[in-house]
Amino acid sequence: MDNTAMKVIVEKLGSAAKWVILCHENPDGDTIGCGLALYSLGKRLGKNVRIMGRDPIPARYCFLPYYNDFECCMEIREEDVKDALLVCVDTSTVARSMPGLNEILSFADSINIDHHGDNHRYCRLNLVDPDASASAEIITDLLTEGGWGIEKSEAICLYTGLSTDNGNFRFGTTTARSHLCAAKLLEAGVEPAVIDGYVNENMTPEILKLWGVAYTRTEIFSNGKGALFWLGKEDFASASADSSAVDGLVNVLLRITGVKVALFLTEINGENKVSIRTKPPYSARDIASAFGGGGHLQAAGAKPGGSFIDAVNAVKAEAEKYINDRASAAE
């Protein structure tokens, strides 16, 4: 953790009268949880504060305090950040944020708080800690460093970010620090069972069947080390579902004995996406980078081009090559 950057951020948050908080595209629990926790802090400090993002908050996170104040916008404009401190949370690149951000960064006072190892450090001040299992760990430390304390509303948001990003403390990114962070949030009033109920116990029969469709398409490759499944636009349409309906589905593939590389491809809103999960020593980020994507070592994603079937074949071929190259290097 960069303690110097942390102290400067505390000073900037304290002195700025206006904050604009940006969440990343296709928001997950960590970016939304961090953003809303900072939004809550800004409200109680008497700041003029806004929270924005390109895509709407998924239904499973619409229990979070202040979620109704989130502004879904196609782009960020100069007037949005006039005289404001811009805070980007859990967003590794400009491309994952909002259209218009590149132009805004040329003049705005900006802060980037994130835990992705491939963060581009695109703001004037960057607090990036890849050792954190979630950006929520960093924001929790920030509130403590600022002497602001953690209100229950903020703790709920931060625990949601923490627990969803480290797989309810199951992923390899989980550390003693993660559990100490959780303990601090529980002391502030968080009820883990209640949050888990909102986040994970909300599946409709239609979405359950959608998951089942993916299961039937499971394909094992590279001598059992790789697995994939996919869902096309017709599958989502038949279930009246969006991408948030399949959050976490890719992780199921890693439960198959021997599988080290899991791929889940989707076609939705005219866009191909692949979610990649791996177990050590395999890097999800290395596979994603072949398609212009990125993320964490064991969790990454990309948007491969071309037709959907071509994207499925291309990602599978890249994963096979990656697995085979590692096997050859180990010999």
C-alpha atoms as a PDB file:
ATOM      1  CA  MET A   1       0.000   0.000   0.000  1.00  0.00           C
ATOM      2  CA  ASP A   2       1.293   3.449  -0.958  1.00  0.00           C
ATOM      3  CA  ASN A   3       0.813   5.296   2.329  1.00  0.00           C
ATOM      4  CA  THR A   4       1.961   8.603   0.842  1.00  0.00           C
ATOM      5  CA  ALA A   5      -0.691   8.449  -1.883  1.00  0.00           C
ATOM      6  CA  MET A   6      -3.257   7.452   0.746  1.00  0.00           C
ATOM      7  CA  LYS A   7      -2.503  10.544   2.833  1.00  0.00           C
ATOM      8  CA  VAL A   8      -2.690  12.845  -0.200  1.00  0.00           C
ATOM      9  CA  ILE A   9      -6.048  11.335  -1.200  1.00  0.00           C
ATOM     10  CA  VAL A  10      -7.380  11.903   2.317  1.00  0.00           C
ATOM     11  CA  GLU A  11      -6.325  15.553   2.064  1.00  0.00           C
ATOM     12  CA  LYS A  12      -7.894  15.983  -1.373  1.00  0.00           C
ATOM     13  CA  LEU A  13     -11.185  14.385  -0.345  1.00  0.00           C
ATOM     14  CA  GLY A  14     -11.287  16.589   2.718  1.00  0.00           C
ATOM     15  CA  SER A  15     -10.606  19.837   0.876  1.00  0.00           C
ATOM     16  CA  ALA A  16     -12.653  19.321  -2.301  1.00  0.00           C
ATOM     17  CA  ALA A  17     -16.214  20.654  -2.122  1.00  0.00           C
ATOM     18  CA  LYS A  18     -17.426  18.561  -5.063  1.00  0.00           C
ATOM     19  CA  TRP A  19     -16.761  14.895  -5.864  1.00  0.00           C
ATOM     20  CA  VAL A  20     -17.664  12.922  -8.983  1.00  0.00           C
ATOM     21  CA  ILE A  21     -17.277   9.159  -8.515  1.00  0.00           C
ATOM     22  CA  LEU A  22     -16.992   6.899 -11.573  1.00  0.00           C
ATOM     23  CA  CYS A  23     -17.669   3.140 -11.629  1.00  0.00           C
ATOM     24  CA  HIS A  24     -16.517   0.787 -14.375  1.00  0.00           C
ATOM     25  CA  GLU A  25     -18.598  -0.661 -17.197  1.00  0.00           C
ATOM     26  CA  ASN A  26     -20.818  -3.681 -16.476  1.00  0.00           C
ATOM     27  CA  PRO A  27     -20.503  -2.863 -12.777  1.00  0.00           C
ATOM     28  CA  ASP A  28     -19.792  -5.595 -10.262  1.00  0.00           C
ATOM     29  CA  GLY A  29     -20.125  -5.586  -6.493  1.00  0.00           C
ATOM     30  CA  ASP A  30     -16.683  -4.120  -5.904  1.00  0.00           C
ATOM     31  CA  THR A  31     -16.929  -1.033  -8.109  1.00  0.00           C
ATOM     32  CA  ILE A  32     -20.524  -0.350  -7.004  1.00  0.00           C
ATOM     33  CA  GLY A  33     -19.775  -1.064  -3.343  1.00  0.00           C
ATOM     34  CA  CYS A  34     -16.711   1.195  -3.327  1.00  0.00           C
ATOM     35  CA  GLY A  35     -18.467   3.930  -5.261  1.00  0.00           C
ATOM     36  CA  LEU A  36     -21.527   3.990  -3.024  1.00  0.00           C
ATOM     37  CA  ALA A  37     -19.409   3.843   0.147  1.00  0.00           C
ATOM     38  CA  LEU A  38     -17.534   6.950  -1.007  1.00  0.00           C
ATOM     39  CA  TYR A  39     -20.832   8.544  -2.027  1.00  0.00           C
ATOM     40  CA  SER A  40     -22.186   7.934   1.490  1.00  0.00           C
ATOM     41  CA  LEU A  41     -19.013   9.410   2.993  1.00  0.00           C
ATOM     42  CA  GLY A  42     -19.327  12.475   0.785  1.00  0.00           C
ATOM     43  CA  LYS A  43     -22.935  13.012   1.841  1.00  0.00           C
ATOM     44  CA  ARG A  44     -22.115  12.939   5.531  1.00  0.00           C
ATOM     45  CA  LEU A  45     -19.139  15.257   5.012  1.00  0.00           C
ATOM     46  CA  GLY A  46     -21.433  17.776   3.344  1.00  0.00           C
ATOM     47  CA  LYS A  47     -19.877  17.450  -0.107  1.00  0.00           C
ATOM     48  CA  ASN A  48     -21.629  18.019  -3.419  1.00  0.00           C
ATOM     49  CA  VAL A  49     -21.258  14.431  -4.641  1.00  0.00           C
ATOM     50  CA  ARG A  50     -22.360  12.447  -7.678  1.00  0.00           C
ATOM     51  CA  ILE A  51     -21.838   8.798  -8.663  1.00  0.00           C
ATOM     52  CA  MET A  52     -21.928   7.777 -12.323  1.00  0.00           C
ATOM     53  CA  GLY A  53     -21.309   4.901 -14.707  1.00  0.00           C
ATOM     54  CA  ARG A  54     -21.963   3.768 -18.251  1.00  0.00           C
ATOM     55  CA  ASP A  55     -24.136   0.776 -17.349  1.00  0.00           C
ATOM     56  CA  PRO A  56     -26.967   0.399 -14.816  1.00  0.00           C
ATOM     57  CA  ILE A  57     -26.530  -1.269 -11.445  1.00  0.00           C
ATOM     58  CA  PRO A  58     -27.501  -4.971 -11.647  1.00  0.00           C
ATOM     59  CA  ALA A  59     -30.674  -5.861  -9.747  1.00  0.00           C
ATOM     60  CA  ARG A  60     -28.799  -7.976  -7.198  1.00  0.00           C
ATOM     61  CA  TYR A  61     -27.065  -4.826  -5.893  1.00  0.00           C
ATOM     62  CA  CYS A  62     -30.160  -2.653  -5.691  1.00  0.00           C
ATOM     63  CA  PHE A  63     -30.389  -3.191  -1.934  1.00  0.00           C
ATOM     64  CA  LEU A  64     -27.296  -1.058  -1.351  1.00  0.00           C
ATOM     65  CA  PRO A  65     -27.701   2.329   0.331  1.00  0.00           C
ATOM     66  CA  TYR A  66     -28.002   5.221  -2.147  1.00  0.00           C
ATOM     67  CA  TYR A  67     -28.247   2.935  -5.197  1.00  0.00           C
ATOM     68  CA  ASN A  68     -31.081   5.146  -6.482  1.00  0.00           C
ATOM     69  CA  ASP A  69     -28.647   8.077  -6.690  1.00  0.00           C
ATOM     70  CA  PHE A  70     -26.452   6.278  -9.226  1.00  0.00           C
ATOM     71  CA  GLU A  71     -26.526   8.066 -12.603  1.00  0.00           C
ATOM     72  CA  CYS A  72     -26.344   5.880 -15.701  1.00  0.00           C
ATOM     73  CA  CYS A  73     -24.828   8.021 -18.483  1.00  0.00           C
ATOM     74  CA  MET A  74     -23.498   7.231 -21.948  1.00  0.00           C
ATOM     75  CA  GLU A  75     -20.630   9.680 -21.516  1.00  0.00           C
ATOM     76  CA  ILE A  76     -19.022  12.022 -19.048  1.00  0.00           C
ATOM     77  CA  ARG A  77     -18.944  15.703 -20.031  1.00  0.00           C
ATOM     78  CA  GLU A  78     -16.846  18.700 -19.059  1.00  0.00           C
ATOM     79  CA  GLU A  79     -19.748  20.284 -17.180  1.00  0.00           C
ATOM     80  CA  ASP A  80     -20.096  17.115 -15.075  1.00  0.00           C
ATOM     81  CA  VAL A  81     -16.664  17.569 -13.525  1.00  0.00           C
ATOM     82  CA  LYS A  82     -16.357  21.358 -13.449  1.00  0.00           C
ATOM     83  CA  ASP A  83     -14.597  22.310 -10.185  1.00  0.00           C
ATOM     84  CA  ALA A  84     -14.872  18.686  -9.029  1.00  0.00           C
ATOM     85  CA  LEU A  85     -12.493  16.042  -7.745  1.00  0.00           C
ATOM     86  CA  LEU A  86     -12.874  13.012 -10.026  1.00  0.00           C
ATOM     87  CA  VAL A  87     -12.570   9.616  -8.300  1.00  0.00           C
ATOM     88  CA  CYS A  88     -12.369   6.423 -10.393  1.00  0.00           C
ATOM     89  CA  VAL A  89     -12.908   3.244  -8.372  1.00  0.00           C
ATOM     90  CA  ASP A  90     -11.931  -0.336  -9.238  1.00  0.00           C
ATOM     91  CA  THR A  91     -11.281   0.656 -12.863  1.00  0.00           C
ATOM     92  CA  SER A  92      -8.004  -0.494 -14.378  1.00  0.00           C
ATOM     93  CA  THR A  93      -8.165   1.364 -17.705  1.00  0.00           C
ATOM     94  CA  VAL A  94      -9.859   4.362 -19.287  1.00  0.00           C
ATOM     95  CA  ALA A  95     -11.532   1.979 -21.742  1.00  0.00           C
ATOM     96  CA  ARG A  96     -13.381   0.298 -18.861  1.00  0.00           C
ATOM     97  CA  SER A  97     -14.805   3.610 -17.671  1.00  0.00           C
ATOM     98  CA  MET A  98     -17.000   6.068 -19.586  1.00  0.00           C
ATOM     99  CA  PRO A  99     -16.711   7.614 -23.044  1.00  0.00           C
ATOM    100  CA  GLY A 100     -15.313  11.119 -22.773  1.00  0.00           C
ATOM    101  CA  LEU A 101     -13.018  10.329 -19.852  1.00  0.00           C
ATOM    102  CA  ASN A 102      -9.812  10.724 -21.871  1.00  0.00           C
ATOM    103  CA  GLU A 103     -10.662  14.340 -22.635  1.00  0.00           C
ATOM    104  CA  ILE A 104     -11.714  14.994 -19.033  1.00  0.00           C
ATOM    105  CA  LEU A 105      -8.432  13.639 -17.649  1.00  0.00           C
ATOM    106  CA  SER A 106      -6.476  16.306 -19.526  1.00  0.00           C
ATOM    107  CA  PHE A 107      -7.686  18.972 -17.097  1.00  0.00           C
ATOM    108  CA  ALA A 108      -9.554  17.374 -14.170  1.00  0.00           C
ATOM    109  CA  ASP A 109      -8.055  16.760 -10.745  1.00  0.00           C
ATOM    110  CA  SER A 110      -8.366  12.981 -10.709  1.00  0.00           C
ATOM    111  CA  ILE A 111      -7.822  10.019  -8.396  1.00  0.00           C
ATOM    112  CA  ASN A 112      -7.618   6.351  -9.351  1.00  0.00           C
ATOM    113  CA  ILE A 113      -8.212   3.771  -6.572  1.00  0.00           C
ATOM    114  CA  ASP A 114      -7.876   0.157  -7.681  1.00  0.00           C
ATOM    115  CA  HIS A 115      -6.457  -3.303  -7.001  1.00  0.00           C
ATOM    116  CA  HIS A 116      -5.929  -4.631 -10.548  1.00  0.00           C
ATOM    117  CA  GLY A 117      -2.323  -5.542 -11.280  1.00  0.00           C
ATOM    118  CA  ASP A 118      -2.588  -4.267 -14.848  1.00  0.00           C
ATOM    119  CA  ASN A 119      -3.925  -0.829 -13.882  1.00  0.00           C
ATOM    120  CA  HIS A 120      -2.775   1.843 -16.354  1.00  0.00           C
ATOM    121  CA  ARG A 121      -2.390   4.538 -13.668  1.00  0.00           C
ATOM    122  CA  TYR A 122      -4.216   7.031 -15.844  1.00  0.00           C
ATOM    123  CA  CYS A 123      -5.134   9.642 -13.223  1.00  0.00           C
ATOM    124  CA  ARG A 124      -3.042  12.406 -11.676  1.00  0.00           C
ATOM    125  CA  LEU A 125      -2.972  10.494  -8.402  1.00  0.00           C
ATOM    126  CA  ASN A 126      -3.050   6.693  -8.402  1.00  0.00           C
ATOM    127  CA  LEU A 127      -3.516   4.406  -5.407  1.00  0.00           C
ATOM    128  CA  VAL A 128      -3.160   0.892  -6.814  1.00  0.00           C
ATOM    129  CA  ASP A 129      -2.626  -2.088  -4.517  1.00  0.00           C
ATOM    130  CA  PRO A 130      -2.611  -5.455  -6.348  1.00  0.00           C
ATOM    131  CA  ASP A 131      -2.188  -7.260  -3.022  1.00  0.00           C
ATOM    132  CA  ALA A 132      -5.719  -6.276  -1.982  1.00  0.00           C
ATOM    133  CA  SER A 133      -8.353  -8.924  -2.713  1.00  0.00           C
ATOM    134  CA  ALA A 134     -10.818  -6.153  -3.593  1.00  0.00           C
ATOM    135  CA  SER A 135     -10.759  -2.406  -4.011  1.00  0.00           C
ATOM    136  CA  ALA A 136     -13.104  -2.416  -1.013  1.00  0.00           C
ATOM    137  CA  GLU A 137     -10.107  -3.270   1.177  1.00  0.00           C
ATOM    138  CA  ILE A 138      -8.377  -0.092   0.014  1.00  0.00           C
ATOM    139  CA  ILE A 139     -11.455   2.089   0.547  1.00  0.00           C
ATOM    140  CA  THR A 140     -11.895   0.617   4.040  1.00  0.00           C
ATOM    141  CA  ASP A 141      -8.301   1.598   4.839  1.00  0.00           C
ATOM    142  CA  LEU A 142      -8.936   5.031   3.322  1.00  0.00           C
ATOM    143  CA  LEU A 143     -11.905   5.745   5.578  1.00  0.00           C
ATOM    144  CA  THR A 144      -9.869   4.615   8.573  1.00  0.00           C
ATOM    145  CA  GLU A 145      -6.844   6.717   7.557  1.00  0.00           C
ATOM    146  CA  GLY A 146      -9.073   9.767   7.152  1.00  0.00           C
ATOM    147  CA  GLY A 147     -10.374   9.408  10.705  1.00  0.00           C
ATOM    148  CA  TRP A 148     -13.918   9.430   9.335  1.00  0.00           C
ATOM    149  CA  GLY A 149     -14.965   6.100  10.783  1.00  0.00           C
ATOM    150  CA  ILE A 150     -17.217   3.700   8.902  1.00  0.00           C
ATOM    151  CA  GLU A 151     -20.986   4.128   9.077  1.00  0.00           C
ATOM    152  CA  LYS A 152     -23.188   1.053   8.710  1.00  0.00           C
ATOM    153  CA  SER A 153     -24.343   2.170   5.246  1.00  0.00           C
ATOM    154  CA  GLU A 154     -20.731   2.339   4.088  1.00  0.00           C
ATOM    155  CA  ALA A 155     -19.865  -0.976   5.731  1.00  0.00           C
ATOM    156  CA  ILE A 156     -22.712  -2.701   3.866  1.00  0.00           C
ATOM    157  CA  CYS A 157     -21.406  -1.365   0.556  1.00  0.00           C
ATOM    158  CA  LEU A 158     -17.799  -2.261   1.312  1.00  0.00           C
ATOM    159  CA  TYR A 159     -18.568  -5.767   2.571  1.00  0.00           C
ATOM    160  CA  THR A 160     -20.547  -6.391  -0.613  1.00  0.00           C
ATOM    161  CA  GLY A 161     -17.544  -5.322  -2.673  1.00  0.00           C
ATOM    162  CA  LEU A 162     -15.131  -7.358  -0.588  1.00  0.00           C
ATOM    163  CA  SER A 163     -17.104 -10.598  -0.474  1.00  0.00           C
ATOM    164  CA  THR A 164     -18.162 -10.604  -4.120  1.00  0.00           C
ATOM    165  CA  ASP A 165     -14.679  -9.908  -5.462  1.00  0.00           C
ATOM    166  CA  ASN A 166     -12.913 -12.593  -3.442  1.00  0.00           C
ATOM    167  CA  GLY A 167     -15.633 -15.208  -3.914  1.00  0.00           C
ATOM    168  CA  ASN A 168     -16.888 -15.068  -0.337  1.00  0.00           C
ATOM    169  CA  PHE A 169     -13.280 -15.471   0.814  1.00  0.00           C
ATOM    170  CA  ARG A 170     -12.741 -18.609  -1.316  1.00  0.00           C
ATOM    171  CA  PHE A 171     -10.396 -17.229  -3.981  1.00  0.00           C
ATOM    172  CA  GLY A 172      -6.621 -17.337  -3.789  1.00  0.00           C
ATOM    173  CA  THR A 173      -6.518 -13.550  -3.476  1.00  0.00           C
ATOM    174  CA  THR A 174      -8.002 -13.785   0.031  1.00  0.00           C
ATOM    175  CA  THR A 175      -5.505 -12.934   2.777  1.00  0.00           C
ATOM    176  CA  ALA A 176      -5.438 -12.285   6.498  1.00  0.00           C
ATOM    177  CA  ARG A 177      -5.908  -8.627   5.604  1.00  0.00           C
ATOM    178  CA  SER A 178      -9.171  -9.529   3.834  1.00  0.00           C
ATOM    179  CA  HIS A 179     -10.542 -11.119   6.990  1.00  0.00           C
ATOM    180  CA  LEU A 180      -9.367  -8.225   9.169  1.00  0.00           C
ATOM    181  CA  CYS A 181     -11.167  -5.872   6.796  1.00  0.00           C
ATOM    182  CA  ALA A 182     -14.307  -8.010   7.054  1.00  0.00           C
ATOM    183  CA  ALA A 183     -14.080  -7.971  10.851  1.00  0.00           C
ATOM    184  CA  LYS A 184     -13.934  -4.177  10.841  1.00  0.00           C
ATOM    185  CA  LEU A 185     -17.026  -4.020   8.620  1.00  0.00           C
ATOM    186  CA  LEU A 186     -18.913  -6.491  10.817  1.00  0.00           C
ATOM    187  CA  GLU A 187     -18.095  -4.321  13.817  1.00  0.00           C
ATOM    188  CA  ALA A 188     -19.776  -1.460  11.932  1.00  0.00           C
ATOM    189  CA  GLY A 189     -23.010  -3.455  11.738  1.00  0.00           C
ATOM    190  CA  VAL A 190     -22.793  -5.660   8.649  1.00  0.00           C
ATOM    191  CA  GLU A 191     -24.811  -8.900   8.653  1.00  0.00           C
ATOM    192  CA  PRO A 192     -23.101 -11.258   6.177  1.00  0.00           C
ATOM    193  CA  ALA A 193     -26.069 -13.612   5.826  1.00  0.00           C
ATOM    194  CA  VAL A 194     -28.355 -10.738   4.865  1.00  0.00           C
ATOM    195  CA  ILE A 195     -25.943  -9.462   2.211  1.00  0.00           C
ATOM    196  CA  ASP A 196     -25.371 -12.961   0.842  1.00  0.00           C
ATOM    197  CA  GLY A 197     -29.120 -13.414   0.579  1.00  0.00           C
ATOM    198  CA  TYR A 198     -29.510 -10.294  -1.537  1.00  0.00           C
ATOM    199  CA  VAL A 199     -26.528 -11.063  -3.768  1.00  0.00           C
ATOM    200  CA  ASN A 200     -26.730 -14.821  -4.241  1.00  0.00           C
ATOM    201  CA  GLU A 201     -30.287 -15.927  -3.491  1.00  0.00           C
ATOM    202  CA  ASN A 202     -32.157 -14.107  -6.228  1.00  0.00           C
ATOM    203  CA  MET A 203     -32.308 -16.576  -9.113  1.00  0.00           C
ATOM    204  CA  THR A 204     -35.546 -16.919 -11.081  1.00  0.00           C
ATOM    205  CA  PRO A 205     -36.591 -20.239 -12.679  1.00  0.00           C
ATOM    206  CA  GLU A 206     -35.791 -18.725 -16.087  1.00  0.00           C
ATOM    207  CA  ILE A 207     -32.257 -17.831 -15.059  1.00  0.00           C
ATOM    208  CA  LEU A 208     -31.744 -21.266 -13.499  1.00  0.00           C
ATOM    209  CA  LYS A 209     -32.685 -22.793 -16.851  1.00  0.00           C
ATOM    210  CA  LEU A 210     -30.301 -20.375 -18.595  1.00  0.00           C
ATOM    211  CA  TRP A 211     -27.459 -21.658 -16.433  1.00  0.00           C
ATOM    212  CA  GLY A 212     -28.571 -25.168 -17.348  1.00  0.00           C
ATOM    213  CA  VAL A 213     -28.238 -24.369 -21.052  1.00  0.00           C
ATOM    214  CA  ALA A 214     -24.625 -23.368 -20.457  1.00  0.00           C
ATOM    215  CA  TYR A 215     -23.979 -26.585 -18.523  1.00  0.00           C
ATOM    216  CA  THR A 216     -25.169 -28.694 -21.469  1.00  0.00           C
ATOM    217  CA  ARG A 217     -22.551 -27.015 -23.676  1.00  0.00           C
ATOM    218  CA  THR A 218     -19.600 -27.789 -21.428  1.00  0.00           C
ATOM    219  CA  GLU A 219     -16.533 -28.714 -23.450  1.00  0.00           C
ATOM    220  CA  ILE A 220     -13.337 -30.093 -21.948  1.00  0.00           C
ATOM    221  CA  PHE A 221     -10.025 -29.619 -23.766  1.00  0.00           C
ATOM    222  CA  SER A 222      -6.231 -29.759 -23.327  1.00  0.00           C
ATOM    223  CA  ASN A 223      -6.280 -33.156 -21.614  1.00  0.00           C
ATOM    224  CA  GLY A 224      -8.772 -32.015 -19.011  1.00  0.00           C
ATOM    225  CA  LYS A 225      -6.976 -28.815 -18.042  1.00  0.00           C
ATOM    226  CA  GLY A 226      -9.352 -26.493 -19.921  1.00  0.00           C
ATOM    227  CA  ALA A 227     -13.137 -26.139 -19.950  1.00  0.00           C
ATOM    228  CA  LEU A 228     -15.573 -23.804 -21.640  1.00  0.00           C
ATOM    229  CA  PHE A 229     -19.231 -23.140 -22.230  1.00  0.00           C
ATOM    230  CA  TRP A 230     -21.128 -20.353 -23.941  1.00  0.00           C
ATOM    231  CA  LEU A 231     -24.457 -18.537 -24.219  1.00  0.00           C
ATOM    232  CA  GLY A 232     -25.595 -16.679 -27.325  1.00  0.00           C
ATOM    233  CA  LYS A 233     -27.955 -13.767 -27.774  1.00  0.00           C
ATOM    234  CA  GLU A 234     -30.924 -16.082 -28.367  1.00  0.00           C
ATOM    235  CA  ASP A 235     -30.327 -17.752 -25.001  1.00  0.00           C
ATOM    236  CA  PHE A 236     -30.431 -14.438 -23.157  1.00  0.00           C
ATOM    237  CA  ALA A 237     -33.500 -13.331 -25.103  1.00  0.00           C
ATOM    238  CA  SER A 238     -35.417 -16.507 -24.267  1.00  0.00           C
ATOM    239  CA  ALA A 239     -34.743 -15.963 -20.558  1.00  0.00           C
ATOM    240  CA  SER A 240     -35.383 -12.189 -20.736  1.00  0.00           C
ATOM    241  CA  ALA A 241     -31.995 -11.846 -19.050  1.00  0.00           C
ATOM    242  CA  ASP A 242     -28.960  -9.604 -19.281  1.00  0.00           C
ATOM    243  CA  SER A 243     -25.308 -10.235 -18.490  1.00  0.00           C
ATOM    244  CA  SER A 244     -25.846  -9.760 -14.751  1.00  0.00           C
ATOM    245  CA  ALA A 245     -27.896 -12.988 -14.741  1.00  0.00           C
ATOM    246  CA  VAL A 246     -24.753 -15.035 -15.299  1.00  0.00           C
ATOM    247  CA  ASP A 247     -22.400 -13.329 -12.850  1.00  0.00           C
ATOM    248  CA  GLY A 248     -20.203 -16.007 -11.309  1.00  0.00           C
ATOM    249  CA  LEU A 249     -21.280 -18.756 -13.706  1.00  0.00           C
ATOM    250  CA  VAL A 250     -17.763 -19.193 -15.081  1.00  0.00           C
ATOM    251  CA  ASN A 251     -16.514 -20.240 -11.638  1.00  0.00           C
ATOM    252  CA  VAL A 252     -18.556 -23.452 -11.858  1.00  0.00           C
ATOM    253  CA  LEU A 253     -16.144 -24.799 -14.471  1.00  0.00           C
ATOM    254  CA  LEU A 254     -13.257 -24.675 -11.997  1.00  0.00           C
ATOM    255  CA  ARG A 255     -15.139 -27.148  -9.815  1.00  0.00           C
ATOM    256  CA  ILE A 256     -14.487 -29.846 -12.414  1.00  0.00           C
ATOM    257  CA  THR A 257     -11.661 -32.119 -11.297  1.00  0.00           C
ATOM    258  CA  GLY A 258      -8.432 -31.253 -13.090  1.00  0.00           C
ATOM    259  CA  VAL A 259      -9.661 -28.066 -14.781  1.00  0.00           C
ATOM    260  CA  LYS A 260      -7.217 -25.166 -14.442  1.00  0.00           C
ATOM    261  CA  VAL A 261      -8.485 -22.797 -17.158  1.00  0.00           C
ATOM    262  CA  ALA A 262     -12.187 -21.892 -17.427  1.00  0.00           C
ATOM    263  CA  LEU A 263     -13.736 -19.899 -20.285  1.00  0.00           C
ATOM    264  CA  PHE A 264     -17.274 -18.540 -20.479  1.00  0.00           C
ATOM    265  CA  LEU A 265     -18.252 -16.728 -23.668  1.00  0.00           C
ATOM    266  CA  THR A 266     -21.373 -14.621 -24.111  1.00  0.00           C
ATOM    267  CA  GLU A 267     -22.981 -12.736 -26.962  1.00  0.00           C
ATOM    268  CA  ILE A 268     -25.181  -9.928 -25.744  1.00  0.00           C
ATOM    269  CA  ASN A 269     -26.054  -6.428 -26.943  1.00  0.00           C
ATOM    270  CA  GLY A 270     -24.050  -7.022 -30.110  1.00  0.00           C
ATOM    271  CA  GLU A 271     -20.841  -7.682 -28.178  1.00  0.00           C
ATOM    272  CA  ASN A 272     -18.756 -10.801 -27.628  1.00  0.00           C
ATOM    273  CA  LYS A 273     -17.302 -11.243 -24.161  1.00  0.00           C
ATOM    274  CA  VAL A 274     -15.184 -13.872 -22.502  1.00  0.00           C
ATOM    275  CA  SER A 275     -14.781 -14.349 -18.759  1.00  0.00           C
ATOM    276  CA  ILE A 276     -11.647 -16.258 -17.843  1.00  0.00           C
ATOM    277  CA  ARG A 277     -10.842 -17.921 -14.525  1.00  0.00           C
ATOM    278  CA  THR A 278      -7.736 -19.930 -13.751  1.00  0.00           C
ATOM    279  CA  LYS A 279      -5.922 -21.745 -11.000  1.00  0.00           C
ATOM    280  CA  PRO A 280      -2.175 -21.292 -10.398  1.00  0.00           C
ATOM    281  CA  PRO A 281       0.161 -21.412 -12.204  1.00  0.00           C
ATOM    282  CA  TYR A 282      -2.055 -20.399 -15.131  1.00  0.00           C
ATOM    283  CA  SER A 283      -2.737 -16.711 -15.798  1.00  0.00           C
ATOM    284  CA  ALA A 284      -6.180 -15.564 -16.897  1.00  0.00           C
ATOM    285  CA  ARG A 285      -4.689 -12.166 -17.650  1.00  0.00           C
ATOM    286  CA  ASP A 286      -2.213 -13.592 -20.174  1.00  0.00           C
ATOM    287  CA  ILE A 287      -5.007 -15.260 -22.142  1.00  0.00           C
ATOM    288  CA  ALA A 288      -7.199 -12.150 -22.006  1.00  0.00           C
ATOM    289  CA  SER A 289      -4.364  -9.934 -23.228  1.00  0.00           C
ATOM    290  CA  ALA A 290      -4.349 -11.772 -26.566  1.00  0.00           C
ATOM    291  CA  PHE A 291      -7.752 -10.191 -27.204  1.00  0.00           C
ATOM    292  CA  GLY A 292      -7.016  -6.741 -25.803  1.00  0.00           C
ATOM    293  CA  GLY A 293      -8.416  -7.550 -22.372  1.00  0.00           C
ATOM    294  CA  GLY A 294      -6.983  -7.800 -18.890  1.00  0.00           C
ATOM    295  CA  GLY A 295      -7.723  -8.140 -15.211  1.00  0.00           C
ATOM    296  CA  HIS A 296      -6.246 -10.223 -12.412  1.00  0.00           C
ATOM    297  CA  LEU A 297      -3.921 -13.215 -12.582  1.00  0.00           C
ATOM    298  CA  GLN A 298      -6.752 -15.656 -11.886  1.00  0.00           C
ATOM    299  CA  ALA A 299      -9.738 -13.611 -13.103  1.00  0.00           C
ATOM    300  CA  ALA A 300      -9.788 -11.625 -16.330  1.00  0.00           C
ATOM    301  CA  GLY A 301     -11.904 -10.813 -19.339  1.00  0.00           C
ATOM    302  CA  ALA A 302     -11.864  -9.555 -22.912  1.00  0.00           C
ATOM    303  CA  LYS A 303     -14.090  -8.651 -25.847  1.00  0.00           C
ATOM    304  CA  PRO A 304     -12.968 -10.749 -28.825  1.00  0.00           C
ATOM    305  CA  GLY A 305     -14.081  -9.471 -32.216  1.00  0.00           C
ATOM    306  CA  GLY A 306     -15.633 -11.195 -35.201  1.00  0.00           C
ATOM    307  CA  SER A 307     -18.691 -13.407 -35.261  1.00  0.00           C
ATOM    308  CA  PHE A 308     -19.633 -15.102 -32.027  1.00  0.00           C
ATOM    309  CA  ILE A 309     -18.732 -18.590 -33.226  1.00  0.00           C
ATOM    310  CA  ASP A 310     -15.372 -17.283 -34.471  1.00  0.00           C
ATOM    311  CA  ALA A 311     -14.792 -15.690 -31.066  1.00  0.00           C
ATOM    312  CA  VAL A 312     -15.540 -18.967 -29.273  1.00  0.00           C
ATOM    313  CA  ASN A 313     -13.121 -20.858 -31.507  1.00  0.00           C
ATOM    314  CA  ALA A 314     -10.416 -18.192 -31.292  1.00  0.00           C
ATOM    315  CA  VAL A 315     -10.489 -17.986 -27.494  1.00  0.00           C
ATOM    316  CA  LYS A 316     -10.452 -21.764 -27.151  1.00  0.00           C
ATOM    317  CA  ALA A 317      -7.497 -22.004 -29.548  1.00  0.00           C
ATOM    318  CA  GLU A 318      -5.597 -19.319 -27.631  1.00  0.00           C
ATOM    319  CA  ALA A 319      -6.241 -21.083 -24.318  1.00  0.00           C
ATOM    320  CA  GLU A 320      -5.112 -24.412 -25.781  1.00  0.00           C
ATOM    321  CA  LYS A 321      -1.920 -22.832 -27.096  1.00  0.00           C
ATOM    322  CA  TYR A 322      -1.277 -21.137 -23.759  1.00  0.00           C
ATOM    323  CA  ILE A 323      -1.751 -24.383 -21.809  1.00  0.00           C
ATOM    324  CA  ASN A 324       0.404 -26.366 -24.244  1.00  0.00           C
ATOM    325  CA  ASP A 325       3.165 -23.738 -24.227  1.00  0.00           C
ATOM    326  CA  ARG A 326       3.318 -23.857 -20.437  1.00  0.00           C
ATOM    327  CA  ALA A 327       3.468 -27.649 -20.515  1.00  0.00           C
ATOM    328  CA  SER A 328       6.351 -27.540 -23.006  1.00  0.00           C
ATOM    329  CA  ALA A 329       8.223 -24.961 -20.930  1.00  0.00           C
ATOM    330  CA  ALA A 330       7.904 -27.164 -17.842  1.00  0.00           C
ATOM    331  CA  GLU A 331       9.452 -30.185 -19.550  1.00  0.00           C
END
